[in-house]
Amino acid sequence: MTDLVPTKNEYGEERYPIEAVESMFDTLFPDEFRGIIPVYDHRPVDRLLDQRDDLLNDLNKARNTLNPRHKTTQNLSPKPKTLNPEL
C-alpha cells in the first residue's frame, strides 16, 4: 500500500491520495467495496460561524435597545391567520 502522505494543491490545501486507498480496498473486497467518503474537520469553520452568530445577535440586541421599533429577521415573520369562527 502507498503511504498516505498528503500533497498540497495550488491553493495550499492538503490532499490525501484517496485513489490509493480505494484501490487497496477494491483489491481486498472486490465484490463489496463501492468507494470511500472523505471526512473533513469543519470545526474551525463552525467556531467562526458561531462567533458570527453571537456577534449578529449582540448587534440585533443593541439595535433593539436603541430603537425598539427596529425590525430584526425574527420580527419579520407574518402572524398566522386565524380562522373565522362564523364560516
N, C-alpha and C. Protein backbone atom coordinates (compact mmCIF):
# COMPACT_ATOMS: atom_id res chain seq x y z
N MET A 1 0.85 -1.19 0.00
CA MET A 1 0.00 0.00 0.00
C MET A 1 0.88 1.24 0.00
N THR A 2 0.41 2.27 -0.66
CA THR A 2 1.11 3.54 -0.71
C THR A 2 0.93 4.27 0.60
N ASP A 3 1.99 4.91 1.09
CA ASP A 3 1.86 5.73 2.30
C ASP A 3 0.91 6.88 2.02
N LEU A 4 0.11 7.20 3.02
CA LEU A 4 -0.85 8.29 2.86
C LEU A 4 -0.20 9.62 3.24
N VAL A 5 0.65 10.08 2.36
CA VAL A 5 1.34 11.35 2.57
C VAL A 5 0.56 12.41 1.79
N PRO A 6 0.11 13.46 2.48
CA PRO A 6 -0.67 14.47 1.77
C PRO A 6 0.20 15.29 0.83
N THR A 7 -0.40 15.72 -0.25
CA THR A 7 0.23 16.66 -1.16
C THR A 7 -0.56 17.96 -1.09
N LYS A 8 0.05 19.06 -1.48
CA LYS A 8 -0.63 20.35 -1.45
C LYS A 8 -1.03 20.74 -2.86
N ASN A 9 -2.26 21.23 -2.99
CA ASN A 9 -2.73 21.69 -4.29
C ASN A 9 -2.31 23.15 -4.49
N GLU A 10 -2.77 23.76 -5.57
CA GLU A 10 -2.35 25.13 -5.90
C GLU A 10 -2.83 26.17 -4.89
N TYR A 11 -3.84 25.81 -4.06
CA TYR A 11 -4.35 26.73 -3.05
C TYR A 11 -3.69 26.51 -1.69
N GLY A 12 -2.76 25.57 -1.63
CA GLY A 12 -2.08 25.28 -0.37
C GLY A 12 -2.82 24.31 0.52
N GLU A 13 -3.92 23.74 0.02
CA GLU A 13 -4.70 22.79 0.80
C GLU A 13 -4.09 21.39 0.67
N GLU A 14 -4.11 20.65 1.78
CA GLU A 14 -3.58 19.29 1.74
C GLU A 14 -4.59 18.35 1.11
N ARG A 15 -4.08 17.43 0.31
CA ARG A 15 -4.94 16.44 -0.35
C ARG A 15 -4.29 15.09 -0.16
N TYR A 16 -5.08 14.14 0.30
CA TYR A 16 -4.57 12.78 0.51
C TYR A 16 -4.85 11.93 -0.72
N PRO A 17 -3.98 10.95 -1.00
CA PRO A 17 -4.15 10.10 -2.19
C PRO A 17 -5.30 9.11 -2.01
N ILE A 18 -6.51 9.59 -2.18
CA ILE A 18 -7.70 8.75 -1.99
C ILE A 18 -7.72 7.58 -2.96
N GLU A 19 -7.20 7.82 -4.15
CA GLU A 19 -7.22 6.75 -5.16
C GLU A 19 -6.44 5.52 -4.68
N ALA A 20 -5.34 5.74 -3.96
CA ALA A 20 -4.54 4.61 -3.47
C ALA A 20 -5.32 3.80 -2.44
N VAL A 21 -6.04 4.47 -1.58
CA VAL A 21 -6.84 3.78 -0.57
C VAL A 21 -7.99 3.03 -1.23
N GLU A 22 -8.65 3.65 -2.20
CA GLU A 22 -9.74 2.98 -2.91
C GLU A 22 -9.24 1.74 -3.64
N SER A 23 -8.07 1.84 -4.24
CA SER A 23 -7.50 0.70 -4.97
C SER A 23 -7.21 -0.46 -4.01
N MET A 24 -6.67 -0.14 -2.83
CA MET A 24 -6.37 -1.18 -1.85
C MET A 24 -7.64 -1.90 -1.41
N PHE A 25 -8.68 -1.11 -1.04
CA PHE A 25 -9.92 -1.74 -0.58
C PHE A 25 -10.62 -2.49 -1.70
N ASP A 26 -10.51 -1.98 -2.92
CA ASP A 26 -11.12 -2.67 -4.06
C ASP A 26 -10.44 -4.02 -4.29
N THR A 27 -9.14 -4.09 -4.02
CA THR A 27 -8.41 -5.35 -4.15
C THR A 27 -8.80 -6.31 -3.03
N LEU A 28 -8.94 -5.80 -1.80
CA LEU A 28 -9.29 -6.65 -0.66
C LEU A 28 -10.73 -7.13 -0.69
N PHE A 29 -11.64 -6.25 -1.12
CA PHE A 29 -13.08 -6.55 -1.10
C PHE A 29 -13.68 -6.24 -2.48
N PRO A 30 -13.33 -7.01 -3.51
CA PRO A 30 -13.77 -6.67 -4.86
C PRO A 30 -15.29 -6.69 -5.07
N ASP A 31 -16.01 -7.53 -4.34
CA ASP A 31 -17.46 -7.62 -4.55
C ASP A 31 -18.25 -6.63 -3.70
N GLU A 32 -17.67 -6.20 -2.59
CA GLU A 32 -18.42 -5.35 -1.66
C GLU A 32 -18.06 -3.88 -1.72
N PHE A 33 -16.82 -3.56 -2.08
CA PHE A 33 -16.35 -2.18 -1.98
C PHE A 33 -16.92 -1.33 -3.11
N ARG A 34 -17.45 -0.16 -2.76
CA ARG A 34 -18.00 0.78 -3.74
C ARG A 34 -17.24 2.09 -3.81
N GLY A 35 -16.62 2.49 -2.72
CA GLY A 35 -15.87 3.74 -2.70
C GLY A 35 -15.76 4.26 -1.28
N ILE A 36 -14.91 5.26 -1.09
CA ILE A 36 -14.77 5.85 0.23
C ILE A 36 -15.33 7.27 0.20
N ILE A 37 -15.72 7.73 1.36
CA ILE A 37 -16.22 9.08 1.51
C ILE A 37 -15.25 9.83 2.41
N PRO A 38 -14.57 10.83 1.88
CA PRO A 38 -13.62 11.56 2.72
C PRO A 38 -14.36 12.38 3.78
N VAL A 39 -13.77 12.44 4.96
CA VAL A 39 -14.34 13.20 6.07
C VAL A 39 -13.39 14.34 6.39
N TYR A 40 -13.92 15.54 6.46
CA TYR A 40 -13.11 16.72 6.73
C TYR A 40 -13.52 17.33 8.07
N ASP A 41 -12.55 17.88 8.74
CA ASP A 41 -12.79 18.52 10.04
C ASP A 41 -13.22 19.96 9.79
N HIS A 42 -14.49 20.24 10.04
CA HIS A 42 -15.05 21.58 9.82
C HIS A 42 -15.17 22.38 11.11
N ARG A 43 -14.60 21.86 12.20
CA ARG A 43 -14.76 22.54 13.49
C ARG A 43 -14.23 23.97 13.49
N PRO A 44 -13.09 24.28 12.85
CA PRO A 44 -12.65 25.68 12.83
C PRO A 44 -13.66 26.61 12.16
N VAL A 45 -14.26 26.15 11.08
CA VAL A 45 -15.27 26.95 10.39
C VAL A 45 -16.52 27.06 11.26
N ASP A 46 -16.91 25.98 11.90
CA ASP A 46 -18.07 26.01 12.79
C ASP A 46 -17.88 27.02 13.92
N ARG A 47 -16.65 27.08 14.48
CA ARG A 47 -16.39 28.05 15.55
C ARG A 47 -16.53 29.48 15.02
N LEU A 48 -16.03 29.73 13.82
CA LEU A 48 -16.16 31.07 13.24
C LEU A 48 -17.62 31.42 12.98
N LEU A 49 -18.40 30.47 12.51
CA LEU A 49 -19.83 30.72 12.28
C LEU A 49 -20.56 30.98 13.60
N ASP A 50 -20.19 30.26 14.65
CA ASP A 50 -20.78 30.51 15.97
C ASP A 50 -20.44 31.92 16.45
N GLN A 51 -19.19 32.33 16.25
CA GLN A 51 -18.80 33.70 16.64
C GLN A 51 -19.60 34.73 15.86
N ARG A 52 -19.78 34.48 14.56
CA ARG A 52 -20.56 35.40 13.73
C ARG A 52 -22.00 35.49 14.23
N ASP A 53 -22.60 34.34 14.55
CA ASP A 53 -23.96 34.34 15.07
C ASP A 53 -24.06 35.12 16.38
N ASP A 54 -23.07 34.92 17.27
CA ASP A 54 -23.08 35.65 18.54
C ASP A 54 -22.98 37.16 18.31
N LEU A 55 -22.10 37.57 17.39
CA LEU A 55 -21.95 39.00 17.10
C LEU A 55 -23.23 39.57 16.49
N LEU A 56 -23.86 38.82 15.59
CA LEU A 56 -25.10 39.28 14.97
C LEU A 56 -26.21 39.40 16.01
N ASN A 57 -26.28 38.44 16.93
CA ASN A 57 -27.28 38.53 18.00
C ASN A 57 -27.03 39.73 18.89
N ASP A 58 -25.76 39.98 19.23
CA ASP A 58 -25.43 41.16 20.03
C ASP A 58 -25.80 42.44 19.30
N LEU A 59 -25.54 42.48 18.00
CA LEU A 59 -25.90 43.66 17.20
C LEU A 59 -27.41 43.89 17.19
N ASN A 60 -28.16 42.83 17.00
CA ASN A 60 -29.62 42.96 16.99
C ASN A 60 -30.16 43.39 18.35
N LYS A 61 -29.56 42.87 19.43
CA LYS A 61 -29.98 43.29 20.77
C LYS A 61 -29.69 44.78 20.98
N ALA A 62 -28.51 45.23 20.55
CA ALA A 62 -28.15 46.64 20.69
C ALA A 62 -29.08 47.52 19.86
N ARG A 63 -29.40 47.10 18.65
CA ARG A 63 -30.33 47.87 17.81
C ARG A 63 -31.70 47.95 18.45
N ASN A 64 -32.17 46.85 19.02
CA ASN A 64 -33.49 46.85 19.66
C ASN A 64 -33.49 47.72 20.91
N THR A 65 -32.36 47.77 21.61
CA THR A 65 -32.26 48.62 22.80
C THR A 65 -32.31 50.09 22.40
N LEU A 66 -31.57 50.45 21.35
CA LEU A 66 -31.53 51.84 20.90
C LEU A 66 -32.81 52.25 20.19
N ASN A 67 -33.39 51.36 19.44
CA ASN A 67 -34.59 51.67 18.67
C ASN A 67 -35.52 50.46 18.74
N PRO A 68 -36.44 50.44 19.69
CA PRO A 68 -37.32 49.28 19.86
C PRO A 68 -38.16 48.98 18.62
N ARG A 69 -38.32 49.94 17.73
CA ARG A 69 -39.12 49.70 16.53
C ARG A 69 -38.29 49.07 15.41
N HIS A 70 -36.98 48.90 15.65
CA HIS A 70 -36.12 48.27 14.64
C HIS A 70 -36.56 46.83 14.43
N LYS A 71 -36.74 46.46 13.18
CA LYS A 71 -37.21 45.10 12.87
C LYS A 71 -36.02 44.20 12.58
N THR A 72 -35.91 43.12 13.32
CA THR A 72 -34.91 42.11 13.04
C THR A 72 -35.57 41.01 12.23
N THR A 73 -34.78 40.08 11.79
CA THR A 73 -35.35 38.99 10.98
C THR A 73 -36.37 38.18 11.77
N GLN A 74 -36.23 38.14 13.09
CA GLN A 74 -37.19 37.40 13.89
C GLN A 74 -38.55 38.10 13.91
N ASN A 75 -38.56 39.42 13.78
CA ASN A 75 -39.81 40.16 13.82
C ASN A 75 -40.51 40.22 12.47
N LEU A 76 -39.87 39.76 11.42
CA LEU A 76 -40.43 39.91 10.08
C LEU A 76 -41.37 38.79 9.68
N SER A 77 -41.44 37.72 10.44
CA SER A 77 -42.31 36.62 10.03
C SER A 77 -43.77 37.03 10.22
N PRO A 78 -44.62 36.75 9.24
CA PRO A 78 -46.01 37.16 9.34
C PRO A 78 -46.74 36.39 10.43
N LYS A 79 -47.73 37.04 11.01
CA LYS A 79 -48.54 36.38 12.05
C LYS A 79 -49.45 35.37 11.37
N PRO A 80 -49.66 34.25 12.01
CA PRO A 80 -50.56 33.25 11.38
C PRO A 80 -51.99 33.79 11.34
N LYS A 81 -52.67 33.47 10.28
CA LYS A 81 -54.07 33.90 10.13
C LYS A 81 -54.95 33.04 11.02
N THR A 82 -55.92 33.70 11.63
CA THR A 82 -56.87 32.95 12.45
C THR A 82 -58.08 32.60 11.61
N LEU A 83 -58.70 31.50 11.90
CA LEU A 83 -59.88 31.09 11.19
C LEU A 83 -61.09 31.91 11.64
N ASN A 84 -61.95 32.21 10.73
CA ASN A 84 -63.17 32.93 11.05
C ASN A 84 -64.16 31.93 11.62
N PRO A 85 -64.55 32.11 12.90
CA PRO A 85 -65.46 31.14 13.52
C PRO A 85 -66.84 31.11 12.88
N GLU A 86 -67.20 32.16 12.13
CA GLU A 86 -68.54 32.21 11.53
C GLU A 86 -68.65 31.37 10.28
N LEU A 87 -67.55 30.90 9.73
CA LEU A 87 -67.60 30.11 8.48
C LEU A 87 -67.92 28.70 8.73
